[in-house]
Amino acid sequence: TPLAEEYKLDETGASALNAMANEARAIFSLHKERIEAYAAHLAAR
């Protein structure tokens, strides 16, 4: 899922990293059903 802002490859500012990390958690929630389905196979290994 695209980030709300297109950050540069070399963006190291704390506020930008905070924003990207928070959006990553939102991406996990958005795709959680698909991730859970995949993880269920991993857990059964």
PDB file of all heavy atoms in Angstrom:
ATOM      1  N   THR A   1       0.877  -1.170   0.000  1.00  0.00           N
ATOM      2  CA  THR A   1       0.000   0.000   0.000  1.00  0.00           C
ATOM      3  C   THR A   1       0.912   1.217   0.000  1.00  0.00           C
ATOM      4  O   THR A   1       1.792   1.319   0.860  1.00  0.00           O
ATOM      5  CB  THR A   1      -0.913   0.033   1.239  1.00  0.00           C
ATOM      6  OG1 THR A   1      -1.772  -1.106   1.223  1.00  0.00           O
ATOM      7  CG2 THR A   1      -1.764   1.298   1.251  1.00  0.00           C
ATOM      8  N   PRO A   2       0.763   2.137  -0.950  1.00  0.00           N
ATOM      9  CA  PRO A   2       1.662   3.295  -1.005  1.00  0.00           C
ATOM     10  C   PRO A   2       1.577   4.159   0.253  1.00  0.00           C
ATOM     11  O   PRO A   2       0.508   4.318   0.845  1.00  0.00           O
ATOM     12  CB  PRO A   2       1.166   4.072  -2.235  1.00  0.00           C
ATOM     13  CG  PRO A   2       0.427   3.070  -3.060  1.00  0.00           C
ATOM     14  CD  PRO A   2      -0.187   2.127  -2.079  1.00  0.00           C
ATOM     15  N   LEU A   3       2.724   4.690   0.646  1.00  0.00           N
ATOM     16  CA  LEU A   3       2.753   5.635   1.748  1.00  0.00           C
ATOM     17  C   LEU A   3       2.027   6.919   1.343  1.00  0.00           C
ATOM     18  O   LEU A   3       1.910   7.235   0.157  1.00  0.00           O
ATOM     19  CB  LEU A   3       4.197   5.961   2.132  1.00  0.00           C
ATOM     20  CG  LEU A   3       5.030   4.806   2.716  1.00  0.00           C
ATOM     21  CD1 LEU A   3       6.497   5.211   2.812  1.00  0.00           C
ATOM     22  CD2 LEU A   3       4.507   4.380   4.069  1.00  0.00           C
ATOM     23  N   ALA A   4       1.564   7.654   2.337  1.00  0.00           N
ATOM     24  CA  ALA A   4       0.846   8.898   2.047  1.00  0.00           C
ATOM     25  C   ALA A   4       1.751   9.923   1.385  1.00  0.00           C
ATOM     26  O   ALA A   4       1.296  10.767   0.623  1.00  0.00           O
ATOM     27  CB  ALA A   4       0.273   9.468   3.345  1.00  0.00           C
ATOM     28  N   GLU A   5       3.051   9.828   1.674  1.00  0.00           N
ATOM     29  CA  GLU A   5       4.028  10.746   1.090  1.00  0.00           C
ATOM     30  C   GLU A   5       5.152   9.916   0.481  1.00  0.00           C
ATOM     31  O   GLU A   5       5.522   8.865   1.011  1.00  0.00           O
ATOM     32  CB  GLU A   5       4.584  11.671   2.168  1.00  0.00           C
ATOM     33  CG  GLU A   5       5.592  12.689   1.676  1.00  0.00           C
ATOM     34  CD  GLU A   5       6.059  13.618   2.789  1.00  0.00           C
ATOM     35  OE1 GLU A   5       5.308  13.774   3.779  1.00  0.00           O
ATOM     36  OE2 GLU A   5       7.163  14.171   2.663  1.00  0.00           O
ATOM     37  N   GLU A   6       5.695  10.389  -0.641  1.00  0.00           N
ATOM     38  CA  GLU A   6       6.790   9.677  -1.299  1.00  0.00           C
ATOM     39  C   GLU A   6       8.121  10.150  -0.714  1.00  0.00           C
ATOM     40  O   GLU A   6       8.648  11.199  -1.079  1.00  0.00           O
ATOM     41  CB  GLU A   6       6.764   9.916  -2.814  1.00  0.00           C
ATOM     42  CG  GLU A   6       7.801   9.126  -3.578  1.00  0.00           C
ATOM     43  CD  GLU A   6       7.554   7.627  -3.596  1.00  0.00           C
ATOM     44  OE1 GLU A   6       6.455   7.190  -3.183  1.00  0.00           O
ATOM     45  OE2 GLU A   6       8.448   6.882  -4.020  1.00  0.00           O
ATOM     46  N   TYR A   7       8.655   9.371   0.224  1.00  0.00           N
ATOM     47  CA  TYR A   7       9.903   9.744   0.886  1.00  0.00           C
ATOM     48  C   TYR A   7      11.109   9.377   0.024  1.00  0.00           C
ATOM     49  O   TYR A   7      11.108   8.369  -0.673  1.00  0.00           O
ATOM     50  CB  TYR A   7      10.008   9.051   2.245  1.00  0.00           C
ATOM     51  CG  TYR A   7       8.944   9.496   3.222  1.00  0.00           C
ATOM     52  CD1 TYR A   7       7.777   8.747   3.386  1.00  0.00           C
ATOM     53  CD2 TYR A   7       9.102  10.657   3.963  1.00  0.00           C
ATOM     54  CE1 TYR A   7       6.791   9.154   4.268  1.00  0.00           C
ATOM     55  CE2 TYR A   7       8.117  11.070   4.856  1.00  0.00           C
ATOM     56  CZ  TYR A   7       6.965  10.312   5.002  1.00  0.00           C
ATOM     57  OH  TYR A   7       5.983  10.722   5.868  1.00  0.00           O
ATOM     58  N   LYS A   8      12.147  10.186   0.114  1.00  0.00           N
ATOM     59  CA  LYS A   8      13.367   9.921  -0.630  1.00  0.00           C
ATOM     60  C   LYS A   8      14.067   8.685  -0.080  1.00  0.00           C
ATOM     61  O   LYS A   8      13.898   8.318   1.083  1.00  0.00           O
ATOM     62  CB  LYS A   8      14.299  11.132  -0.553  1.00  0.00           C
ATOM     63  CG  LYS A   8      13.759  12.381  -1.237  1.00  0.00           C
ATOM     64  CD  LYS A   8      14.746  13.529  -1.108  1.00  0.00           C
ATOM     65  CE  LYS A   8      14.213  14.788  -1.797  1.00  0.00           C
ATOM     66  NZ  LYS A   8      15.165  15.926  -1.652  1.00  0.00           N
ATOM     67  N   LEU A   9      14.898   8.070  -0.930  1.00  0.00           N
ATOM     68  CA  LEU A   9      15.619   6.868  -0.520  1.00  0.00           C
ATOM     69  C   LEU A   9      16.557   7.142   0.648  1.00  0.00           C
ATOM     70  O   LEU A   9      16.836   6.237   1.441  1.00  0.00           O
ATOM     71  CB  LEU A   9      16.425   6.306  -1.689  1.00  0.00           C
ATOM     72  CG  LEU A   9      15.659   5.861  -2.933  1.00  0.00           C
ATOM     73  CD1 LEU A   9      16.616   5.307  -3.970  1.00  0.00           C
ATOM     74  CD2 LEU A   9      14.620   4.809  -2.572  1.00  0.00           C
ATOM     75  N   ASP A  10      17.052   8.370   0.755  1.00  0.00           N
ATOM     76  CA  ASP A  10      18.025   8.699   1.797  1.00  0.00           C
ATOM     77  C   ASP A  10      17.427   9.585   2.892  1.00  0.00           C
ATOM     78  O   ASP A  10      18.151  10.301   3.579  1.00  0.00           O
ATOM     79  CB  ASP A  10      19.260   9.359   1.196  1.00  0.00           C
ATOM     80  CG  ASP A  10      18.932  10.601   0.362  1.00  0.00           C
ATOM     81  OD1 ASP A  10      17.737  10.853   0.115  1.00  0.00           O
ATOM     82  OD2 ASP A  10      19.882  11.297  -0.048  1.00  0.00           O
ATOM     83  N   GLU A  11      16.124   9.514   3.079  1.00  0.00           N
ATOM     84  CA  GLU A  11      15.446  10.297   4.126  1.00  0.00           C
ATOM     85  C   GLU A  11      15.720   9.671   5.493  1.00  0.00           C
ATOM     86  O   GLU A  11      15.291   8.551   5.768  1.00  0.00           O
ATOM     87  CB  GLU A  11      13.947  10.341   3.859  1.00  0.00           C
ATOM     88  CG  GLU A  11      13.135  11.045   4.934  1.00  0.00           C
ATOM     89  CD  GLU A  11      13.584  12.475   5.145  1.00  0.00           C
ATOM     90  OE1 GLU A  11      13.270  13.320   4.277  1.00  0.00           O
ATOM     91  OE2 GLU A  11      14.261  12.731   6.177  1.00  0.00           O
ATOM     92  N   THR A  12      16.443  10.390   6.352  1.00  0.00           N
ATOM     93  CA  THR A  12      16.796   9.852   7.669  1.00  0.00           C
ATOM     94  C   THR A  12      16.215  10.664   8.822  1.00  0.00           C
ATOM     95  O   THR A  12      16.517  10.383   9.988  1.00  0.00           O
ATOM     96  CB  THR A  12      18.333   9.798   7.832  1.00  0.00           C
ATOM     97  OG1 THR A  12      18.867  11.130   7.700  1.00  0.00           O
ATOM     98  CG2 THR A  12      18.964   8.894   6.784  1.00  0.00           C
ATOM     99  N   GLY A  13      15.400  11.663   8.531  1.00  0.00           N
ATOM    100  CA  GLY A  13      14.821  12.481   9.595  1.00  0.00           C
ATOM    101  C   GLY A  13      13.926  11.678  10.517  1.00  0.00           C
ATOM    102  O   GLY A  13      13.194  10.783  10.085  1.00  0.00           O
ATOM    103  N   ALA A  14      13.974  12.003  11.798  1.00  0.00           N
ATOM    104  CA  ALA A  14      13.206  11.254  12.797  1.00  0.00           C
ATOM    105  C   ALA A  14      11.707  11.310  12.526  1.00  0.00           C
ATOM    106  O   ALA A  14      10.998  10.308  12.660  1.00  0.00           O
ATOM    107  CB  ALA A  14      13.513  11.789  14.192  1.00  0.00           C
ATOM    108  N   SER A  15      11.199  12.479  12.151  1.00  0.00           N
ATOM    109  CA  SER A  15       9.758  12.608  11.911  1.00  0.00           C
ATOM    110  C   SER A  15       9.323  11.763  10.717  1.00  0.00           C
ATOM    111  O   SER A  15       8.260  11.132  10.734  1.00  0.00           O
ATOM    112  CB  SER A  15       9.378  14.069  11.692  1.00  0.00           C
ATOM    113  OG  SER A  15      10.053  14.610  10.563  1.00  0.00           O
ATOM    114  N   ALA A  16      10.148  11.718   9.667  1.00  0.00           N
ATOM    115  CA  ALA A  16       9.825  10.912   8.496  1.00  0.00           C
ATOM    116  C   ALA A  16       9.856   9.423   8.840  1.00  0.00           C
ATOM    117  O   ALA A  16       8.971   8.658   8.425  1.00  0.00           O
ATOM    118  CB  ALA A  16      10.802  11.209   7.361  1.00  0.00           C
ATOM    119  N   LEU A  17      10.854   8.995   9.612  1.00  0.00           N
ATOM    120  CA  LEU A  17      10.936   7.586  10.006  1.00  0.00           C
ATOM    121  C   LEU A  17       9.761   7.203  10.897  1.00  0.00           C
ATOM    122  O   LEU A  17       9.209   6.101  10.777  1.00  0.00           O
ATOM    123  CB  LEU A  17      12.263   7.317  10.712  1.00  0.00           C
ATOM    124  CG  LEU A  17      13.524   7.445   9.840  1.00  0.00           C
ATOM    125  CD1 LEU A  17      14.777   7.208  10.670  1.00  0.00           C
ATOM    126  CD2 LEU A  17      13.481   6.471   8.672  1.00  0.00           C
ATOM    127  N   ASN A  18       9.375   8.101  11.796  1.00  0.00           N
ATOM    128  CA  ASN A  18       8.198   7.841  12.633  1.00  0.00           C
ATOM    129  C   ASN A  18       6.954   7.667  11.777  1.00  0.00           C
ATOM    130  O   ASN A  18       6.146   6.754  12.000  1.00  0.00           O
ATOM    131  CB  ASN A  18       7.981   8.988  13.619  1.00  0.00           C
ATOM    132  CG  ASN A  18       9.000   9.005  14.733  1.00  0.00           C
ATOM    133  OD1 ASN A  18       9.623   7.986  15.026  1.00  0.00           O
ATOM    134  ND2 ASN A  18       9.194  10.160  15.349  1.00  0.00           N
ATOM    135  N   ALA A  19       6.795   8.539  10.795  1.00  0.00           N
ATOM    136  CA  ALA A  19       5.619   8.474   9.924  1.00  0.00           C
ATOM    137  C   ALA A  19       5.609   7.170   9.130  1.00  0.00           C
ATOM    138  O   ALA A  19       4.568   6.504   9.013  1.00  0.00           O
ATOM    139  CB  ALA A  19       5.599   9.673   8.977  1.00  0.00           C
ATOM    140  N   MET A  20       6.760   6.777   8.587  1.00  0.00           N
ATOM    141  CA  MET A  20       6.826   5.540   7.807  1.00  0.00           C
ATOM    142  C   MET A  20       6.544   4.316   8.679  1.00  0.00           C
ATOM    143  O   MET A  20       5.831   3.395   8.260  1.00  0.00           O
ATOM    144  CB  MET A  20       8.195   5.417   7.130  1.00  0.00           C
ATOM    145  CG  MET A  20       8.370   6.345   5.945  1.00  0.00           C
ATOM    146  SD  MET A  20       9.884   6.011   4.987  1.00  0.00           S
ATOM    147  CE  MET A  20      11.077   6.978   5.906  1.00  0.00           C
ATOM    148  N   ALA A  21       7.092   4.298   9.889  1.00  0.00           N
ATOM    149  CA  ALA A  21       6.864   3.162  10.789  1.00  0.00           C
ATOM    150  C   ALA A  21       5.389   3.070  11.186  1.00  0.00           C
ATOM    151  O   ALA A  21       4.811   1.974  11.228  1.00  0.00           O
ATOM    152  CB  ALA A  21       7.742   3.293  12.029  1.00  0.00           C
ATOM    153  N   ASN A  22       4.780   4.210  11.466  1.00  0.00           N
ATOM    154  CA  ASN A  22       3.358   4.199  11.829  1.00  0.00           C
ATOM    155  C   ASN A  22       2.490   3.751  10.662  1.00  0.00           C
ATOM    156  O   ASN A  22       1.519   3.003  10.843  1.00  0.00           O
ATOM    157  CB  ASN A  22       2.934   5.594  12.303  1.00  0.00           C
ATOM    158  CG  ASN A  22       3.520   5.960  13.659  1.00  0.00           C
ATOM    159  OD1 ASN A  22       3.827   5.070  14.459  1.00  0.00           O
ATOM    160  ND2 ASN A  22       3.683   7.244  13.921  1.00  0.00           N
ATOM    161  N   GLU A  23       2.830   4.201   9.459  1.00  0.00           N
ATOM    162  CA  GLU A  23       2.067   3.762   8.293  1.00  0.00           C
ATOM    163  C   GLU A  23       2.269   2.275   8.023  1.00  0.00           C
ATOM    164  O   GLU A  23       1.360   1.601   7.544  1.00  0.00           O
ATOM    165  CB  GLU A  23       2.463   4.598   7.071  1.00  0.00           C
ATOM    166  CG  GLU A  23       1.914   6.021   7.112  1.00  0.00           C
ATOM    167  CD  GLU A  23       2.024   6.721   5.772  1.00  0.00           C
ATOM    168  OE1 GLU A  23       1.426   6.231   4.792  1.00  0.00           O
ATOM    169  OE2 GLU A  23       2.728   7.753   5.701  1.00  0.00           O
ATOM    170  N   ALA A  24       3.458   1.763   8.331  1.00  0.00           N
ATOM    171  CA  ALA A  24       3.697   0.329   8.165  1.00  0.00           C
ATOM    172  C   ALA A  24       2.756  -0.485   9.055  1.00  0.00           C
ATOM    173  O   ALA A  24       2.231  -1.522   8.641  1.00  0.00           O
ATOM    174  CB  ALA A  24       5.153  -0.006   8.492  1.00  0.00           C
ATOM    175  N   ARG A  25       2.529  -0.018  10.268  1.00  0.00           N
ATOM    176  CA  ARG A  25       1.598  -0.713  11.171  1.00  0.00           C
ATOM    177  C   ARG A  25       0.168  -0.631  10.634  1.00  0.00           C
ATOM    178  O   ARG A  25      -0.605  -1.588  10.766  1.00  0.00           O
ATOM    179  CB  ARG A  25       1.708  -0.125  12.575  1.00  0.00           C
ATOM    180  CG  ARG A  25       3.085  -0.374  13.207  1.00  0.00           C
ATOM    181  CD  ARG A  25       3.238   0.234  14.604  1.00  0.00           C
ATOM    182  NE  ARG A  25       4.575  -0.038  15.117  1.00  0.00           N
ATOM    183  CZ  ARG A  25       5.619   0.769  14.966  1.00  0.00           C
ATOM    184  NH1 ARG A  25       5.470   1.929  14.346  1.00  0.00           N
ATOM    185  NH2 ARG A  25       6.811   0.434  15.439  1.00  0.00           N
ATOM    186  N   ALA A  26      -0.150   0.494  10.019  1.00  0.00           N
ATOM    187  CA  ALA A  26      -1.469   0.616   9.399  1.00  0.00           C
ATOM    188  C   ALA A  26      -1.592  -0.317   8.198  1.00  0.00           C
ATOM    189  O   ALA A  26      -2.658  -0.901   7.961  1.00  0.00           O
ATOM    190  CB  ALA A  26      -1.710   2.064   8.976  1.00  0.00           C
ATOM    191  N   ILE A  27      -0.515  -0.481   7.437  1.00  0.00           N
ATOM    192  CA  ILE A  27      -0.516  -1.407   6.297  1.00  0.00           C
ATOM    193  C   ILE A  27      -0.731  -2.834   6.785  1.00  0.00           C
ATOM    194  O   ILE A  27      -1.469  -3.614   6.175  1.00  0.00           O
ATOM    195  CB  ILE A  27       0.807  -1.276   5.507  1.00  0.00           C
ATOM    196  CG1 ILE A  27       0.857   0.072   4.781  1.00  0.00           C
ATOM    197  CG2 ILE A  27       0.966  -2.425   4.509  1.00  0.00           C
ATOM    198  CD1 ILE A  27       2.206   0.402   4.167  1.00  0.00           C
ATOM    199  N   PHE A  28      -0.087  -3.188   7.896  1.00  0.00           N
ATOM    200  CA  PHE A  28      -0.288  -4.522   8.471  1.00  0.00           C
ATOM    201  C   PHE A  28      -1.759  -4.734   8.811  1.00  0.00           C
ATOM    202  O   PHE A  28      -2.333  -5.787   8.502  1.00  0.00           O
ATOM    203  CB  PHE A  28       0.574  -4.692   9.719  1.00  0.00           C
ATOM    204  CG  PHE A  28       0.366  -5.995  10.438  1.00  0.00           C
ATOM    205  CD1 PHE A  28       1.019  -7.150  10.028  1.00  0.00           C
ATOM    206  CD2 PHE A  28      -0.504  -6.078  11.522  1.00  0.00           C
ATOM    207  CE1 PHE A  28       0.820  -8.351  10.680  1.00  0.00           C
ATOM    208  CE2 PHE A  28      -0.709  -7.273  12.182  1.00  0.00           C
ATOM    209  CZ  PHE A  28      -0.047  -8.417  11.758  1.00  0.00           C
ATOM    210  N   SER A  29      -2.372  -3.760   9.437  1.00  0.00           N
ATOM    211  CA  SER A  29      -3.789  -3.872   9.801  1.00  0.00           C
ATOM    212  C   SER A  29      -4.671  -3.978   8.565  1.00  0.00           C
ATOM    213  O   SER A  29      -5.630  -4.765   8.538  1.00  0.00           O
ATOM    214  CB  SER A  29      -4.214  -2.665  10.643  1.00  0.00           C
ATOM    215  OG  SER A  29      -3.492  -2.611  11.856  1.00  0.00           O
ATOM    216  N   LEU A  30      -4.343  -3.218   7.535  1.00  0.00           N
ATOM    217  CA  LEU A  30      -5.126  -3.228   6.304  1.00  0.00           C
ATOM    218  C   LEU A  30      -5.084  -4.594   5.626  1.00  0.00           C
ATOM    219  O   LEU A  30      -6.091  -5.060   5.081  1.00  0.00           O
ATOM    220  CB  LEU A  30      -4.592  -2.152   5.354  1.00  0.00           C
ATOM    221  CG  LEU A  30      -5.320  -1.984   4.018  1.00  0.00           C
ATOM    222  CD1 LEU A  30      -6.757  -1.515   4.249  1.00  0.00           C
ATOM    223  CD2 LEU A  30      -4.572  -0.986   3.136  1.00  0.00           C
ATOM    224  N   HIS A  31      -3.933  -5.262   5.677  1.00  0.00           N
ATOM    225  CA  HIS A  31      -3.760  -6.554   5.011  1.00  0.00           C
ATOM    226  C   HIS A  31      -3.785  -7.728   5.997  1.00  0.00           C
ATOM    227  O   HIS A  31      -3.372  -8.838   5.648  1.00  0.00           O
ATOM    228  CB  HIS A  31      -2.425  -6.575   4.257  1.00  0.00           C
ATOM    229  CG  HIS A  31      -2.342  -5.584   3.135  1.00  0.00           C
ATOM    230  ND1 HIS A  31      -2.788  -5.868   1.861  1.00  0.00           N
ATOM    231  CD2 HIS A  31      -1.867  -4.312   3.096  1.00  0.00           C
ATOM    232  CE1 HIS A  31      -2.579  -4.820   1.080  1.00  0.00           C
ATOM    233  NE2 HIS A  31      -2.028  -3.858   1.808  1.00  0.00           N
ATOM    234  N   LYS A  32      -4.279  -7.481   7.210  1.00  0.00           N
ATOM    235  CA  LYS A  32      -4.140  -8.482   8.270  1.00  0.00           C
ATOM    236  C   LYS A  32      -4.788  -9.808   7.917  1.00  0.00           C
ATOM    237  O   LYS A  32      -4.248 -10.883   8.208  1.00  0.00           O
ATOM    238  CB  LYS A  32      -4.722  -7.946   9.578  1.00  0.00           C
ATOM    239  CG  LYS A  32      -4.408  -8.853  10.772  1.00  0.00           C
ATOM    240  CD  LYS A  32      -4.832  -8.225  12.083  1.00  0.00           C
ATOM    241  CE  LYS A  32      -4.448  -9.125  13.258  1.00  0.00           C
ATOM    242  NZ  LYS A  32      -4.878  -8.535  14.553  1.00  0.00           N
ATOM    243  N   GLU A  33      -5.934  -9.790   7.269  1.00  0.00           N
ATOM    244  CA  GLU A  33      -6.620 -11.040   6.951  1.00  0.00           C
ATOM    245  C   GLU A  33      -5.763 -11.907   6.017  1.00  0.00           C
ATOM    246  O   GLU A  33      -5.639 -13.122   6.237  1.00  0.00           O
ATOM    247  CB  GLU A  33      -7.965 -10.735   6.297  1.00  0.00           C
ATOM    248  CG  GLU A  33      -8.811 -11.978   6.045  1.00  0.00           C
ATOM    249  CD  GLU A  33     -10.191 -11.647   5.520  1.00  0.00           C
ATOM    250  OE1 GLU A  33     -10.650 -10.497   5.728  1.00  0.00           O
ATOM    251  OE2 GLU A  33     -10.812 -12.529   4.909  1.00  0.00           O
ATOM    252  N   ARG A  34      -5.150 -11.309   5.014  1.00  0.00           N
ATOM    253  CA  ARG A  34      -4.309 -12.058   4.095  1.00  0.00           C
ATOM    254  C   ARG A  34      -3.028 -12.522   4.777  1.00  0.00           C
ATOM    255  O   ARG A  34      -2.551 -13.639   4.547  1.00  0.00           O
ATOM    256  CB  ARG A  34      -3.979 -11.198   2.874  1.00  0.00           C
ATOM    257  CG  ARG A  34      -5.217 -10.832   2.053  1.00  0.00           C
ATOM    258  CD  ARG A  34      -4.901  -9.772   1.016  1.00  0.00           C
ATOM    259  NE  ARG A  34      -3.924 -10.247   0.047  1.00  0.00           N
ATOM    260  CZ  ARG A  34      -2.824  -9.584  -0.294  1.00  0.00           C
ATOM    261  NH1 ARG A  34      -2.547  -8.413   0.269  1.00  0.00           N
ATOM    262  NH2 ARG A  34      -2.007 -10.073  -1.198  1.00  0.00           N
ATOM    263  N   ILE A  35      -2.471 -11.672   5.629  1.00  0.00           N
ATOM    264  CA  ILE A  35      -1.257 -12.044   6.347  1.00  0.00           C
ATOM    265  C   ILE A  35      -1.539 -13.191   7.311  1.00  0.00           C
ATOM    266  O   ILE A  35      -0.748 -14.135   7.439  1.00  0.00           O
ATOM    267  CB  ILE A  35      -0.685 -10.825   7.099  1.00  0.00           C
ATOM    268  CG1 ILE A  35      -0.197  -9.774   6.094  1.00  0.00           C
ATOM    269  CG2 ILE A  35       0.452 -11.248   8.018  1.00  0.00           C
ATOM    270  CD1 ILE A  35       0.231  -8.467   6.732  1.00  0.00           C
ATOM    271  N   GLU A  36      -2.679 -13.138   7.999  1.00  0.00           N
ATOM    272  CA  GLU A  36      -3.040 -14.216   8.926  1.00  0.00           C
ATOM    273  C   GLU A  36      -3.195 -15.541   8.190  1.00  0.00           C
ATOM    274  O   GLU A  36      -2.785 -16.592   8.698  1.00  0.00           O
ATOM    275  CB  GLU A  36      -4.330 -13.866   9.658  1.00  0.00           C
ATOM    276  CG  GLU A  36      -4.147 -12.834  10.764  1.00  0.00           C
ATOM    277  CD  GLU A  36      -5.453 -12.508  11.468  1.00  0.00           C
ATOM    278  OE1 GLU A  36      -6.528 -12.652  10.842  1.00  0.00           O
ATOM    279  OE2 GLU A  36      -5.400 -12.102  12.643  1.00  0.00           O
ATOM    280  N   ALA A  37      -3.782 -15.513   7.001  1.00  0.00           N
ATOM    281  CA  ALA A  37      -3.952 -16.741   6.225  1.00  0.00           C
ATOM    282  C   ALA A  37      -2.598 -17.340   5.861  1.00  0.00           C
ATOM    283  O   ALA A  37      -2.394 -18.558   5.938  1.00  0.00           O
ATOM    284  CB  ALA A  37      -4.771 -16.459   4.967  1.00  0.00           C
ATOM    285  N   TYR A  38      -1.648 -16.485   5.470  1.00  0.00           N
ATOM    286  CA  TYR A  38      -0.306 -16.962   5.139  1.00  0.00           C
ATOM    287  C   TYR A  38       0.403 -17.469   6.399  1.00  0.00           C
ATOM    288  O   TYR A  38       1.030 -18.541   6.395  1.00  0.00           O
ATOM    289  CB  TYR A  38       0.496 -15.842   4.489  1.00  0.00           C
ATOM    290  CG  TYR A  38       1.789 -16.305   3.844  1.00  0.00           C
ATOM    291  CD1 TYR A  38       1.844 -16.553   2.481  1.00  0.00           C
ATOM    292  CD2 TYR A  38       2.945 -16.482   4.596  1.00  0.00           C
ATOM    293  CE1 TYR A  38       3.027 -16.981   1.879  1.00  0.00           C
ATOM    294  CE2 TYR A  38       4.122 -16.911   4.015  1.00  0.00           C
ATOM    295  CZ  TYR A  38       4.164 -17.154   2.654  1.00  0.00           C
ATOM    296  OH  TYR A  38       5.334 -17.585   2.080  1.00  0.00           O
ATOM    297  N   ALA A  39       0.295 -16.713   7.483  1.00  0.00           N
ATOM    298  CA  ALA A  39       0.975 -17.082   8.727  1.00  0.00           C
ATOM    299  C   ALA A  39       0.466 -18.410   9.281  1.00  0.00           C
ATOM    300  O   ALA A  39       1.217 -19.159   9.914  1.00  0.00           O
ATOM    301  CB  ALA A  39       0.795 -15.978   9.762  1.00  0.00           C
ATOM    302  N   ALA A  40      -0.794 -18.718   9.049  1.00  0.00           N
ATOM    303  CA  ALA A  40      -1.348 -19.989   9.537  1.00  0.00           C
ATOM    304  C   ALA A  40      -0.606 -21.169   8.920  1.00  0.00           C
ATOM    305  O   ALA A  40      -0.363 -22.187   9.593  1.00  0.00           O
ATOM    306  CB  ALA A  40      -2.837 -20.063   9.218  1.00  0.00           C
ATOM    307  N   HIS A  41      -0.225 -21.054   7.659  1.00  0.00           N
ATOM    308  CA  HIS A  41       0.559 -22.116   7.011  1.00  0.00           C
ATOM    309  C   HIS A  41       1.960 -22.197   7.614  1.00  0.00           C
ATOM    310  O   HIS A  41       2.492 -23.293   7.818  1.00  0.00           O
ATOM    311  CB  HIS A  41       0.649 -21.858   5.510  1.00  0.00           C
ATOM    312  CG  HIS A  41      -0.660 -21.994   4.783  1.00  0.00           C
ATOM    313  ND1 HIS A  41      -1.271 -23.219   4.568  1.00  0.00           N
ATOM    314  CD2 HIS A  41      -1.471 -21.065   4.234  1.00  0.00           C
ATOM    315  CE1 HIS A  41      -2.403 -23.031   3.915  1.00  0.00           C
ATOM    316  NE2 HIS A  41      -2.548 -21.738   3.705  1.00  0.00           N
ATOM    317  N   LEU A  42       2.550 -21.037   7.898  1.00  0.00           N
ATOM    318  CA  LEU A  42       3.876 -21.043   8.505  1.00  0.00           C
ATOM    319  C   LEU A  42       3.851 -21.696   9.886  1.00  0.00           C
ATOM    320  O   LEU A  42       4.741 -22.473  10.240  1.00  0.00           O
ATOM    321  CB  LEU A  42       4.402 -19.607   8.631  1.00  0.00           C
ATOM    322  CG  LEU A  42       4.562 -18.799   7.338  1.00  0.00           C
ATOM    323  CD1 LEU A  42       5.129 -17.413   7.658  1.00  0.00           C
ATOM    324  CD2 LEU A  42       5.460 -19.514   6.336  1.00  0.00           C
ATOM    325  N   ALA A  43       2.835 -21.379  10.663  1.00  0.00           N
ATOM    326  CA  ALA A  43       2.741 -21.913  12.021  1.00  0.00           C
ATOM    327  C   ALA A  43       2.507 -23.418  12.036  1.00  0.00           C
ATOM    328  O   ALA A  43       2.839 -24.097  13.016  1.00  0.00           O
ATOM    329  CB  ALA A  43       1.623 -21.204  12.783  1.00  0.00           C
ATOM    330  N   ALA A  44       1.935 -23.941  10.953  1.00  0.00           N
ATOM    331  CA  ALA A  44       1.644 -25.375  10.881  1.00  0.00           C
ATOM    332  C   ALA A  44       2.849 -26.198  10.434  1.00  0.00           C
ATOM    333  O   ALA A  44       2.788 -27.427  10.412  1.00  0.00           O
ATOM    334  CB  ALA A  44       0.470 -25.615   9.928  1.00  0.00           C
ATOM    335  N   ARG A  45       3.929 -25.535  10.098  1.00  0.00           N
ATOM    336  CA  ARG A  45       5.097 -26.240   9.562  1.00  0.00           C
ATOM    337  C   ARG A  45       5.728 -27.147  10.613  1.00  0.00           C
ATOM    338  O   ARG A  45       5.899 -26.763  11.774  1.00  0.00           O
ATOM    339  CB  ARG A  45       6.123 -25.223   9.074  1.00  0.00           C
ATOM    340  CG  ARG A  45       7.369 -25.874   8.511  1.00  0.00           C
ATOM    341  CD  ARG A  45       8.248 -24.897   7.777  1.00  0.00           C
ATOM    342  NE  ARG A  45       9.207 -25.625   6.961  1.00  0.00           N
ATOM    343  CZ  ARG A  45       9.788 -25.161   5.891  1.00  0.00           C
ATOM    344  NH1 ARG A  45       9.501 -23.943   5.475  1.00  0.00           N
ATOM    345  NH2 ARG A  45      10.645 -25.893   5.209  1.00  0.00           N
TER     346      ARG A  45
END
